[in-house]
Amino acid sequence: MVQTASFGQVRFARGRGGRVPRGLLLLAVPVTALLLLPVGYLLVRAAEADAGSWDLILRGRTVELALRSVALVTAVTGAAALIGVPLAWLTTRTDLPGKRVWAVLLSLPLVIPSYVGAFALLAAFGPRGLLQGSLERVFGVHRIPDISGFPGAFVSLTLFTYPYVFLLVAAALRGLDPSLEEASRSLGHSRWRTFRSVTLPLLRPSIAAGSLLVALYTLHDFGAVSLMRFNVFTQAIYLQYRGAFDRTPAAILSLMLIAIAGVILALERRARGKARYHRSGAGSARPAAAASLGRWKWVALSVCALVAAVAFVAPIAVIVFWLLRGIRAGGEAVLPWGAAGGSMVVAAGGAALALLAALPIALLSVRYRGRVGAATEALSYSGYALPGIVVALAFVFFAANFTPSLYQSLPLVVIAYAVLFLPQMSEPLRGSLLQVGPGIEEAGRALGRSRTKVFRVLTAPLIARGATAGAALVFLTSMKELPATLLLRPTGFETLATRVWTGASVGLFAKAAGPALMLIVICCVPLYILARRAEVDRVDVRAE
């Protein structure tokens, strides 16, 4: 029985619970097994810890790293929400000139890998960057403030992760029924009060989901914090794995990272709340009337232009500068088409596998709320919270000991991508399922149709946009993945990410510029799909 509390045309429903269908459980078992591999690997390693390993871990330095990580995650997540929510409202609910173009431009920073973006910011605004060089020639300024450390890590991660919040909130705004907001306005409430008391609570699940993706991305990021020289957990884990023969301390640090991710997930679930909503009135969905910005129109345009310029145009300009500089120095514009093809093959495979794995998780967490669904949903974030090198080493350990045929093979790379980025698929699916009224599925079952046929005929078409958005998101994130690819790829297999890192890691920025530019251009395609089609499905269901 679904417990509901109606307000206008929006129904807030609690999960129906009940017995989980056997077929759904059978689908969830192999997914759970894959997700348990990295955690199991870490537990095995941690069990081998001796007194020396624990002494290393329990030093004050570890507490400092934890506080630094939490501080960075908190700051980046808060800033991403403060940027993403207003920009989503401007591009969906106002008369902002060219808002469709801005919706795409403001999403584009998501295609830039964190390590490329951090390098571009340092090259442009660092002490010896392009800005300092220009100021020295014109005004004689020999040094500008160093942006590395916490400020640089905070700015770079915020600029390249806020689109997670922006895209999910924009999708939710497009799917909301405007009748509640219109009712509030008809009662004499101001537009701001209506947004604060009516719209914002309805956006809470999307804001929480986007903020969760930002928080976990920040928690497991290695590239940006390394280039900005800001020591956090991921950097310590990476150095322990790469520089020490004993990997036990790194395994313990990784488990601590999972514990922090668990706290973040619990906070997100609390912020999201138990409410879920879907339209319960009859009739077709209609778009909301655009709010007039009036004299604030130019301020809004300036804000959008500033964010797009700093987060996308500046990094692209720096990359093009290095590409042209390499050509002028007598080099050639190296465009690795083979690496581009390899990147797209494994990224597409990762997106397809993530879709298959995320479906049972999303159905369990939305339709059958209980311990099984909650545990599976929480476990799905474990891979996303860990650095790619940790997940990759877990699969190396498993393949080398149990399935040698998978060792250094493309299927293993695809599986690792699916585990690493599973939440990016499951969250859009959950958002779509939350807005599909359970009455639709119950009606299909009442007509004697099987659960499989009801899902295929009724539910699947209604969540197709969420699946498309998730697949696009996993594809473009897989295109950028570096540590797992470096460890798991077959000998001689290259992706654009590995080509970029090969050049940038030894200071050959002109050599890295071509692959970086190709990577960004290819990633713009799924990002365009994400920006244009990531809309919450609109379902009209009559009140029972």
Protein backbone atom coordinates (compact mmCIF):
# COMPACT_ATOMS: atom_id res chain seq x y z
CA MET A 1 0.00 0.00 0.00
CA VAL A 2 1.38 3.39 -0.95
CA GLN A 3 1.03 6.03 1.75
CA THR A 4 0.49 9.44 0.25
CA ALA A 5 -0.03 13.01 1.29
CA SER A 6 -1.37 15.21 -1.46
CA PHE A 7 -0.79 18.93 -1.82
CA GLY A 8 -2.32 20.40 -4.98
CA GLN A 9 -1.30 18.20 -7.85
CA VAL A 10 1.88 16.89 -6.31
CA ARG A 11 1.76 13.61 -4.46
CA PHE A 12 4.37 12.79 -1.86
CA ALA A 13 4.57 9.03 -1.55
CA ARG A 14 6.54 6.74 0.68
CA GLY A 15 8.09 3.64 -0.79
CA ARG A 16 5.73 0.73 -0.96
CA GLY A 17 8.17 -1.76 0.58
CA GLY A 18 6.90 -5.33 0.53
CA ARG A 19 8.56 -8.46 -0.75
CA VAL A 20 11.17 -7.89 -3.44
CA PRO A 21 10.53 -9.91 -6.64
CA ARG A 22 12.90 -12.85 -7.01
CA GLY A 23 13.90 -11.82 -10.52
CA LEU A 24 14.96 -8.37 -9.32
CA LEU A 25 17.04 -9.93 -6.57
CA LEU A 26 18.73 -12.24 -9.08
CA LEU A 27 19.67 -9.21 -11.17
CA ALA A 28 21.02 -7.38 -8.13
CA VAL A 29 23.25 -10.26 -6.93
CA PRO A 30 25.98 -10.04 -9.63
CA VAL A 31 25.94 -6.24 -9.37
CA THR A 32 26.43 -6.45 -5.62
CA ALA A 33 29.25 -8.96 -6.09
CA LEU A 34 31.09 -6.56 -8.44
CA LEU A 35 30.62 -3.67 -6.03
CA LEU A 36 31.95 -5.75 -3.14
CA LEU A 37 35.22 -6.56 -4.93
CA PRO A 38 37.05 -3.28 -4.14
CA VAL A 39 35.76 -3.29 -0.56
CA GLY A 40 36.68 -6.94 -0.11
CA TYR A 41 40.16 -6.30 -1.50
CA LEU A 42 40.68 -3.45 0.97
CA LEU A 43 39.46 -5.58 3.88
CA VAL A 44 41.85 -8.39 2.93
CA ARG A 45 44.75 -5.94 2.76
CA ALA A 46 43.77 -4.22 6.01
CA ALA A 47 43.57 -7.58 7.80
CA GLU A 48 47.27 -8.03 7.07
CA ALA A 49 48.16 -4.84 8.94
CA ASP A 50 50.77 -5.09 11.66
CA ALA A 51 51.52 -2.70 14.51
CA GLY A 52 53.78 -0.59 12.30
CA SER A 53 51.03 -0.03 9.76
CA TRP A 54 48.57 1.04 12.42
CA ASP A 55 51.14 3.37 13.98
CA LEU A 56 51.57 5.00 10.58
CA ILE A 57 47.83 5.41 10.14
CA LEU A 58 47.04 6.69 13.62
CA ARG A 59 49.47 9.58 13.46
CA GLY A 60 48.21 13.14 13.69
CA ARG A 61 49.00 13.54 10.00
CA THR A 62 46.14 11.20 9.11
CA VAL A 63 43.67 13.30 11.11
CA GLU A 64 44.96 16.38 9.33
CA LEU A 65 44.44 14.73 5.94
CA ALA A 66 40.89 13.77 6.94
CA LEU A 67 40.09 17.32 8.01
CA ARG A 68 41.57 18.72 4.80
CA SER A 69 39.51 16.31 2.71
CA VAL A 70 36.30 17.09 4.57
CA ALA A 71 36.94 20.84 4.36
CA LEU A 72 37.54 20.68 0.61
CA VAL A 73 34.46 18.49 0.01
CA THR A 74 32.26 20.80 2.09
CA ALA A 75 33.50 23.97 0.41
CA VAL A 76 33.30 22.63 -3.16
CA THR A 77 29.84 21.07 -2.65
CA GLY A 78 28.41 24.24 -1.12
CA ALA A 79 29.87 26.44 -3.85
CA ALA A 80 28.69 24.10 -6.62
CA ALA A 81 25.14 24.23 -5.24
CA LEU A 82 25.27 28.03 -4.91
CA ILE A 83 26.36 28.28 -8.56
CA GLY A 84 24.33 25.45 -10.08
CA VAL A 85 20.88 26.16 -8.61
CA PRO A 86 20.63 29.85 -9.64
CA LEU A 87 22.04 29.12 -13.09
CA ALA A 88 19.52 26.31 -13.56
CA TRP A 89 16.67 28.66 -12.63
CA LEU A 90 17.95 31.38 -14.98
CA THR A 91 18.18 29.02 -17.96
CA THR A 92 14.82 27.29 -17.42
CA ARG A 93 12.41 29.70 -15.74
CA THR A 94 13.31 33.22 -16.92
CA ASP A 95 13.37 35.30 -20.09
CA LEU A 96 17.19 35.23 -20.17
CA PRO A 97 18.26 36.00 -23.77
CA GLY A 98 19.65 32.91 -25.49
CA LYS A 99 18.91 30.70 -22.50
CA ARG A 100 19.10 27.49 -24.56
CA VAL A 101 22.60 28.40 -25.68
CA TRP A 102 23.59 29.27 -22.12
CA ALA A 103 22.17 25.95 -20.90
CA VAL A 104 24.69 24.15 -23.13
CA LEU A 105 27.61 26.52 -22.51
CA LEU A 106 27.22 26.32 -18.74
CA SER A 107 27.26 22.51 -18.94
CA LEU A 108 30.46 22.30 -20.99
CA PRO A 109 32.96 22.53 -18.07
CA LEU A 110 31.92 18.96 -17.26
CA VAL A 111 33.85 17.72 -20.32
CA ILE A 112 37.17 19.03 -19.01
CA PRO A 113 39.17 16.55 -16.88
CA SER A 114 40.12 17.95 -13.49
CA TYR A 115 43.83 17.57 -14.20
CA VAL A 116 43.50 19.44 -17.51
CA GLY A 117 41.40 22.17 -15.91
CA ALA A 118 43.80 22.61 -12.99
CA PHE A 119 46.76 22.81 -15.36
CA ALA A 120 44.92 25.39 -17.48
CA LEU A 121 44.14 27.53 -14.42
CA LEU A 122 47.77 27.38 -13.28
CA ALA A 123 49.03 28.20 -16.77
CA ALA A 124 46.63 31.14 -17.02
CA PHE A 125 46.51 32.57 -13.49
CA GLY A 126 49.51 31.04 -11.70
CA PRO A 127 52.63 32.96 -10.61
CA ARG A 128 54.35 32.27 -13.95
CA GLY A 129 51.22 32.04 -16.06
CA LEU A 130 49.87 34.05 -18.96
CA LEU A 131 48.28 36.71 -16.72
CA GLN A 132 51.49 37.31 -14.78
CA GLY A 133 53.48 37.54 -18.02
CA SER A 134 51.09 40.15 -19.42
CA LEU A 135 51.14 42.20 -16.21
CA GLU A 136 54.94 42.09 -16.15
CA ARG A 137 55.24 43.39 -19.69
CA VAL A 138 52.70 46.17 -19.22
CA PHE A 139 52.98 47.19 -15.56
CA GLY A 140 56.23 45.61 -14.40
CA VAL A 141 54.51 43.22 -12.00
CA HIS A 142 57.00 40.44 -11.29
CA ARG A 143 54.82 38.24 -9.09
CA ILE A 144 51.12 37.68 -8.43
CA PRO A 145 49.54 35.69 -5.57
CA ASP A 146 49.97 31.94 -5.83
CA ILE A 147 46.62 30.20 -6.39
CA SER A 148 47.89 26.71 -5.54
CA GLY A 149 46.93 24.96 -2.32
CA PHE A 150 43.39 25.04 -0.99
CA PRO A 151 42.27 28.09 -3.06
CA GLY A 152 43.38 26.52 -6.33
CA ALA A 153 41.92 23.10 -5.54
CA PHE A 154 38.68 24.69 -4.40
CA VAL A 155 38.30 26.91 -7.48
CA SER A 156 39.26 24.25 -10.03
CA LEU A 157 37.04 21.52 -8.57
CA THR A 158 34.09 23.90 -8.16
CA LEU A 159 34.34 25.16 -11.73
CA PHE A 160 34.47 21.65 -13.20
CA THR A 161 31.87 19.96 -10.98
CA TYR A 162 29.05 22.51 -10.56
CA PRO A 163 27.41 21.19 -13.80
CA TYR A 164 26.36 18.07 -11.85
CA VAL A 165 24.05 20.26 -9.75
CA PHE A 166 23.16 22.53 -12.65
CA LEU A 167 22.05 19.71 -14.96
CA LEU A 168 20.01 17.76 -12.41
CA VAL A 169 18.27 20.85 -11.02
CA ALA A 170 17.56 22.19 -14.51
CA ALA A 171 16.04 18.83 -15.42
CA ALA A 172 13.86 18.91 -12.30
CA LEU A 173 12.73 22.47 -12.99
CA ARG A 174 11.63 21.50 -16.50
CA GLY A 175 9.57 18.65 -15.09
CA LEU A 176 7.81 20.48 -12.26
CA ASP A 177 4.14 21.30 -12.63
CA PRO A 178 3.87 25.13 -12.38
CA SER A 179 0.39 25.01 -10.80
CA LEU A 180 1.72 25.06 -7.23
CA GLU A 181 3.88 28.09 -7.92
CA GLU A 182 0.97 29.82 -9.64
CA ALA A 183 -1.25 29.08 -6.65
CA SER A 184 1.31 30.63 -4.32
CA ARG A 185 1.58 33.72 -6.52
CA SER A 186 -2.22 34.06 -6.65
CA LEU A 187 -2.23 34.20 -2.83
CA GLY A 188 -0.08 37.31 -2.99
CA HIS A 189 3.28 35.74 -2.22
CA SER A 190 6.33 37.27 -3.86
CA ARG A 191 8.31 35.37 -6.48
CA TRP A 192 11.19 34.93 -4.01
CA ARG A 193 8.90 33.59 -1.27
CA THR A 194 7.28 31.24 -3.78
CA PHE A 195 10.68 29.93 -4.84
CA ARG A 196 11.82 29.49 -1.24
CA SER A 197 8.66 27.89 0.15
CA VAL A 198 7.29 25.96 -2.86
CA THR A 199 9.89 25.42 -5.60
CA LEU A 200 12.97 24.79 -3.49
CA PRO A 201 11.42 21.95 -1.42
CA LEU A 202 10.37 20.22 -4.65
CA LEU A 203 13.93 20.55 -5.95
CA ARG A 204 15.44 19.05 -2.80
CA PRO A 205 15.95 15.52 -4.22
CA SER A 206 17.70 16.88 -7.33
CA ILE A 207 19.87 19.31 -5.35
CA ALA A 208 20.81 16.52 -2.96
CA ALA A 209 21.62 14.12 -5.83
CA GLY A 210 23.77 16.67 -7.67
CA SER A 211 25.54 17.69 -4.46
CA LEU A 212 26.25 14.04 -3.69
CA LEU A 213 27.94 13.55 -7.07
CA VAL A 214 30.01 16.70 -6.51
CA ALA A 215 31.01 15.63 -2.99
CA LEU A 216 32.07 12.13 -4.00
CA TYR A 217 33.90 13.38 -7.09
CA THR A 218 35.83 15.84 -4.93
CA LEU A 219 36.56 13.14 -2.37
CA HIS A 220 38.16 10.78 -4.91
CA ASP A 221 39.81 13.37 -7.18
CA PHE A 222 43.56 13.04 -7.59
CA GLY A 223 44.55 15.15 -10.60
CA ALA A 224 43.45 18.62 -9.48
CA VAL A 225 44.66 18.34 -5.87
CA SER A 226 48.03 16.99 -7.03
CA LEU A 227 48.66 19.79 -9.51
CA MET A 228 47.49 22.36 -6.96
CA ARG A 229 49.76 20.77 -4.31
CA PHE A 230 46.98 20.37 -1.75
CA ASN A 231 47.51 17.23 0.33
CA VAL A 232 44.36 15.20 0.93
CA PHE A 233 43.47 11.53 1.39
CA THR A 234 43.60 10.60 -2.29
CA GLN A 235 47.10 11.94 -2.74
CA ALA A 236 48.34 10.07 0.35
CA ILE A 237 46.71 6.86 -0.89
CA TYR A 238 48.22 7.25 -4.35
CA LEU A 239 51.71 7.88 -2.95
CA GLN A 240 51.42 4.89 -0.62
CA TYR A 241 50.36 2.59 -3.47
CA ARG A 242 52.97 3.84 -5.90
CA GLY A 243 55.90 4.46 -3.57
CA ALA A 244 55.67 1.80 -0.87
CA PHE A 245 56.08 -1.94 -1.18
CA ASP A 246 53.61 -2.51 1.67
CA ARG A 247 50.15 -1.49 0.47
CA THR A 248 48.43 -2.22 3.77
CA PRO A 249 48.51 1.40 5.06
CA ALA A 250 47.02 2.57 1.78
CA ALA A 251 44.23 0.00 2.13
CA ILE A 252 43.41 1.29 5.62
CA LEU A 253 43.38 4.87 4.34
CA SER A 254 41.05 3.79 1.54
CA LEU A 255 38.65 2.23 4.05
CA MET A 256 38.68 5.50 5.95
CA LEU A 257 37.81 7.23 2.69
CA ILE A 258 34.84 4.86 2.26
CA ALA A 259 33.75 5.71 5.80
CA ILE A 260 33.77 9.43 4.95
CA ALA A 261 31.78 8.64 1.80
CA GLY A 262 29.27 6.74 3.96
CA VAL A 263 28.78 9.80 6.14
CA ILE A 264 28.28 11.94 3.03
CA LEU A 265 25.73 9.46 1.69
CA ALA A 266 23.84 9.46 5.00
CA LEU A 267 23.72 13.27 4.95
CA GLU A 268 22.45 13.20 1.36
CA ARG A 269 19.71 10.73 2.23
CA ARG A 270 18.67 12.93 5.13
CA ALA A 271 18.67 16.03 2.93
CA ARG A 272 16.73 14.20 0.24
CA GLY A 273 14.13 13.02 2.73
CA LYS A 274 11.70 10.14 2.34
CA ALA A 275 9.28 12.12 0.21
CA ARG A 276 8.95 11.49 -3.47
CA TYR A 277 6.63 13.24 -5.82
CA HIS A 278 4.80 12.72 -9.05
CA ARG A 279 1.95 14.51 -10.74
CA SER A 280 -1.43 13.15 -9.72
CA GLY A 281 -3.77 15.41 -11.61
CA ALA A 282 -5.23 14.75 -15.01
CA GLY A 283 -4.24 16.64 -18.10
CA SER A 284 -1.08 17.24 -20.00
CA ALA A 285 1.98 18.89 -18.61
CA ARG A 286 2.54 22.52 -19.55
CA PRO A 287 5.64 24.70 -19.29
CA ALA A 288 5.89 27.37 -16.62
CA ALA A 289 5.58 31.01 -17.62
CA ALA A 290 8.99 32.66 -17.94
CA ALA A 291 9.78 35.11 -15.16
CA SER A 292 10.78 38.56 -16.36
CA LEU A 293 14.25 39.61 -15.23
CA GLY A 294 13.65 43.27 -16.00
CA ARG A 295 16.66 45.43 -15.26
CA TRP A 296 18.47 42.40 -13.79
CA LYS A 297 18.68 40.84 -17.26
CA TRP A 298 22.14 42.28 -17.95
CA VAL A 299 23.41 41.24 -14.52
CA ALA A 300 22.22 37.68 -15.20
CA LEU A 301 23.88 37.68 -18.62
CA SER A 302 27.13 38.94 -17.08
CA VAL A 303 27.09 36.18 -14.45
CA CYS A 304 26.47 33.47 -17.06
CA ALA A 305 29.19 34.87 -19.31
CA LEU A 306 31.70 35.09 -16.45
CA VAL A 307 31.12 31.50 -15.32
CA ALA A 308 31.31 30.15 -18.89
CA ALA A 309 34.45 32.18 -19.63
CA VAL A 310 36.37 31.10 -16.54
CA ALA A 311 35.18 27.48 -16.47
CA PHE A 312 35.31 26.66 -20.18
CA VAL A 313 36.67 29.35 -22.49
CA ALA A 314 39.86 29.99 -20.48
CA PRO A 315 40.93 26.31 -20.29
CA ILE A 316 40.22 25.85 -24.00
CA ALA A 317 42.22 28.98 -24.81
CA VAL A 318 45.20 27.71 -22.81
CA ILE A 319 45.09 24.33 -24.57
CA VAL A 320 44.87 25.98 -28.01
CA PHE A 321 47.75 28.29 -27.04
CA TRP A 322 50.01 25.33 -26.26
CA LEU A 323 48.92 23.53 -29.42
CA LEU A 324 49.77 26.54 -31.60
CA ARG A 325 53.00 27.10 -29.71
CA GLY A 326 54.06 23.53 -30.43
CA ILE A 327 53.25 23.97 -34.12
CA ARG A 328 55.20 27.24 -34.30
CA ALA A 329 58.17 25.52 -32.65
CA GLY A 330 58.35 23.12 -35.59
CA GLY A 331 56.17 20.34 -34.25
CA GLU A 332 53.01 18.92 -35.73
CA ALA A 333 49.48 18.95 -34.43
CA VAL A 334 49.30 15.36 -33.17
CA LEU A 335 45.73 14.08 -33.30
CA PRO A 336 45.74 10.46 -32.07
CA TRP A 337 42.74 8.99 -33.87
CA GLY A 338 43.53 5.47 -32.68
CA ALA A 339 43.51 6.57 -29.05
CA ALA A 340 40.24 8.45 -29.69
CA GLY A 341 38.64 5.30 -31.07
CA GLY A 342 39.86 3.24 -28.13
CA SER A 343 38.50 5.79 -25.68
CA MET A 344 35.06 5.75 -27.26
CA VAL A 345 34.87 1.95 -27.37
CA VAL A 346 35.65 1.39 -23.68
CA ALA A 347 33.61 4.42 -22.57
CA ALA A 348 30.56 3.21 -24.51
CA GLY A 349 30.99 -0.25 -23.02
CA GLY A 350 31.22 1.22 -19.53
CA ALA A 351 28.03 3.24 -20.07
CA ALA A 352 26.11 0.20 -21.34
CA LEU A 353 27.25 -2.00 -18.46
CA ALA A 354 26.50 0.76 -15.93
CA LEU A 355 22.94 0.99 -17.29
CA LEU A 356 22.39 -2.75 -16.84
CA ALA A 357 23.85 -2.63 -13.33
CA ALA A 358 22.00 0.51 -12.22
CA LEU A 359 18.50 -0.64 -13.20
CA PRO A 360 18.03 -3.18 -10.37
CA ILE A 361 19.63 -0.78 -7.88
CA ALA A 362 17.31 2.07 -8.84
CA LEU A 363 14.22 -0.18 -8.76
CA LEU A 364 15.14 -1.56 -5.35
CA SER A 365 15.79 1.87 -3.84
CA VAL A 366 12.64 3.50 -5.24
CA ARG A 367 9.98 0.81 -5.50
CA TYR A 368 10.97 -1.52 -2.66
CA ARG A 369 12.26 0.61 0.18
CA GLY A 370 13.77 -1.61 2.82
CA ARG A 371 17.05 -2.88 4.15
CA VAL A 372 17.99 -4.64 0.91
CA GLY A 373 17.32 -1.58 -1.24
CA ALA A 374 19.05 0.80 1.17
CA ALA A 375 22.11 -1.43 1.52
CA THR A 376 22.44 -1.93 -2.24
CA GLU A 377 22.07 1.78 -2.91
CA ALA A 378 24.69 2.66 -0.29
CA LEU A 379 27.08 0.05 -1.66
CA SER A 380 26.75 1.44 -5.18
CA TYR A 381 28.62 4.58 -4.07
CA SER A 382 31.63 2.71 -2.69
CA GLY A 383 33.48 2.59 -6.01
CA TYR A 384 32.74 6.22 -6.81
CA ALA A 385 34.17 7.31 -3.45
CA LEU A 386 37.51 5.57 -4.03
CA PRO A 387 40.41 6.78 -6.17
CA GLY A 388 40.54 5.01 -9.52
CA ILE A 389 43.86 3.41 -8.65
CA VAL A 390 42.32 1.60 -5.65
CA VAL A 391 39.46 0.16 -7.69
CA ALA A 392 41.88 -0.78 -10.45
CA LEU A 393 44.21 -2.61 -8.06
CA ALA A 394 41.25 -4.53 -6.65
CA PHE A 395 40.38 -5.79 -10.11
CA VAL A 396 44.04 -6.54 -10.87
CA PHE A 397 44.20 -8.64 -7.70
CA PHE A 398 40.97 -10.46 -8.58
CA ALA A 399 41.86 -11.09 -12.23
CA ALA A 400 45.41 -12.23 -11.52
CA ASN A 401 44.29 -14.72 -8.87
CA PHE A 402 40.93 -15.99 -10.15
CA THR A 403 40.34 -15.05 -13.81
CA PRO A 404 43.71 -14.73 -15.58
CA SER A 405 41.98 -14.39 -18.96
CA LEU A 406 40.57 -11.02 -17.84
CA TYR A 407 43.92 -9.65 -16.73
CA GLN A 408 44.92 -6.60 -18.79
CA SER A 409 41.91 -6.92 -21.06
CA LEU A 410 39.37 -4.41 -22.36
CA PRO A 411 36.42 -6.13 -20.60
CA LEU A 412 38.15 -5.52 -17.26
CA VAL A 413 38.51 -1.82 -18.11
CA VAL A 414 34.79 -1.68 -18.97
CA ILE A 415 33.82 -3.40 -15.70
CA ALA A 416 35.99 -0.99 -13.71
CA TYR A 417 34.32 2.00 -15.40
CA ALA A 418 30.88 0.65 -14.52
CA VAL A 419 31.84 0.20 -10.85
CA LEU A 420 33.56 3.58 -10.63
CA PHE A 421 30.75 5.62 -12.16
CA LEU A 422 27.65 3.63 -11.26
CA PRO A 423 26.06 6.48 -9.19
CA GLN A 424 26.15 8.74 -12.24
CA MET A 425 23.79 6.27 -13.90
CA SER A 426 21.67 5.30 -10.90
CA GLU A 427 20.88 8.88 -9.77
CA PRO A 428 19.20 9.98 -13.05
CA LEU A 429 17.32 6.66 -13.12
CA ARG A 430 16.16 7.20 -9.55
CA GLY A 431 15.04 10.72 -10.41
CA SER A 432 12.97 9.43 -13.32
CA LEU A 433 11.45 6.58 -11.29
CA LEU A 434 10.51 8.94 -8.47
CA GLN A 435 8.33 10.88 -10.88
CA VAL A 436 6.62 7.82 -12.34
CA GLY A 437 3.49 7.24 -10.29
CA PRO A 438 3.34 3.70 -8.89
CA GLY A 439 -0.34 3.68 -9.84
CA ILE A 440 0.65 3.23 -13.49
CA GLU A 441 2.53 0.02 -12.75
CA GLU A 442 -0.19 -1.18 -10.38
CA ALA A 443 -2.79 -0.65 -13.12
CA GLY A 444 -0.73 -2.72 -15.53
CA ARG A 445 -0.40 -5.50 -12.98
CA ALA A 446 -4.17 -5.36 -12.30
CA LEU A 447 -4.73 -6.07 -16.00
CA GLY A 448 -2.84 -9.35 -15.63
CA ARG A 449 0.45 -8.25 -17.18
CA SER A 450 3.70 -9.62 -15.76
CA ARG A 451 6.15 -7.32 -13.98
CA THR A 452 8.58 -7.72 -16.87
CA LYS A 453 6.02 -6.66 -19.46
CA VAL A 454 4.78 -3.76 -17.31
CA PHE A 455 8.35 -2.50 -17.01
CA ARG A 456 9.08 -2.96 -20.72
CA VAL A 457 5.85 -1.39 -21.99
CA LEU A 458 5.07 1.26 -19.37
CA THR A 459 8.02 2.07 -17.10
CA ALA A 460 10.96 1.83 -19.50
CA PRO A 461 9.68 4.47 -21.96
CA LEU A 462 8.97 6.84 -19.07
CA ILE A 463 12.49 6.57 -17.64
CA ALA A 464 14.23 6.57 -21.03
CA ARG A 465 15.36 10.17 -20.66
CA GLY A 466 16.89 9.47 -17.29
CA ALA A 467 18.69 6.46 -18.77
CA THR A 468 19.94 8.57 -21.68
CA ALA A 469 21.20 11.26 -19.31
CA GLY A 470 22.95 8.69 -17.14
CA ALA A 471 24.55 6.93 -20.11
CA ALA A 472 25.83 10.24 -21.47
CA LEU A 473 27.24 11.15 -18.06
CA VAL A 474 29.01 7.80 -17.59
CA PHE A 475 30.37 7.95 -21.15
CA LEU A 476 31.97 11.36 -20.79
CA THR A 477 33.34 10.59 -17.30
CA SER A 478 34.81 7.31 -18.57
CA MET A 479 36.45 9.21 -21.42
CA LYS A 480 38.32 11.29 -18.81
CA GLU A 481 39.26 8.46 -16.41
CA LEU A 482 43.01 8.09 -16.00
CA PRO A 483 44.37 5.99 -13.05
CA ALA A 484 42.18 2.93 -13.63
CA THR A 485 42.90 3.04 -17.36
CA LEU A 486 46.65 3.21 -16.80
CA LEU A 487 46.63 0.09 -14.61
CA LEU A 488 44.04 -2.06 -16.38
CA ARG A 489 44.55 -1.38 -20.09
CA PRO A 490 46.11 -4.04 -22.31
CA THR A 491 49.71 -3.52 -23.35
CA GLY A 492 49.88 -0.99 -26.18
CA PHE A 493 46.27 0.17 -25.75
CA GLU A 494 45.94 3.93 -25.39
CA THR A 495 43.13 6.34 -24.70
CA LEU A 496 43.06 10.10 -25.05
CA ALA A 497 43.37 10.44 -21.27
CA THR A 498 46.58 8.38 -21.18
CA ARG A 499 48.00 10.40 -24.10
CA VAL A 500 47.26 13.66 -22.30
CA TRP A 501 48.88 12.42 -19.09
CA THR A 502 51.93 11.08 -20.91
CA GLY A 503 52.68 14.54 -22.28
CA ALA A 504 51.62 16.69 -19.33
CA SER A 505 53.36 14.56 -16.68
CA VAL A 506 56.78 15.26 -18.23
CA GLY A 507 56.08 18.90 -19.05
CA LEU A 508 55.47 18.41 -22.78
CA PHE A 509 52.31 20.51 -22.77
CA ALA A 510 52.37 21.07 -26.53
CA LYS A 511 52.36 17.30 -27.02
CA ALA A 512 49.44 16.92 -24.61
CA ALA A 513 47.41 19.75 -26.17
CA GLY A 514 46.24 17.81 -29.24
CA PRO A 515 44.83 14.80 -27.35
CA ALA A 516 43.32 17.14 -24.72
CA LEU A 517 41.51 19.12 -27.39
CA MET A 518 40.22 15.94 -29.05
CA LEU A 519 39.05 14.63 -25.67
CA ILE A 520 37.08 17.79 -24.97
CA VAL A 521 35.52 17.89 -28.46
CA ILE A 522 34.37 14.25 -28.27
CA CYS A 523 33.00 14.71 -24.76
CA CYS A 524 30.95 17.68 -25.95
CA VAL A 525 28.64 15.28 -27.83
CA PRO A 526 27.29 13.37 -24.79
CA LEU A 527 27.33 16.61 -22.82
CA TYR A 528 25.06 18.20 -25.44
CA ILE A 529 22.72 15.22 -25.13
CA LEU A 530 22.83 15.58 -21.36
CA ALA A 531 22.07 19.29 -21.44
CA ARG A 532 19.23 19.02 -23.97
CA ARG A 533 17.56 15.78 -22.94
CA ALA A 534 18.22 15.37 -19.21
CA GLU A 535 14.67 16.24 -18.27
CA VAL A 536 12.59 14.70 -15.53
CA ASP A 537 9.87 12.59 -17.10
CA ARG A 538 6.42 14.09 -16.82
CA VAL A 539 3.75 11.68 -15.78
CA ASP A 540 0.08 12.47 -15.35
CA VAL A 541 -1.77 10.14 -13.05
CA ARG A 542 -5.30 10.63 -11.71
CA ALA A 543 -5.65 10.81 -7.95
CA GLU A 544 -6.81 7.57 -6.47
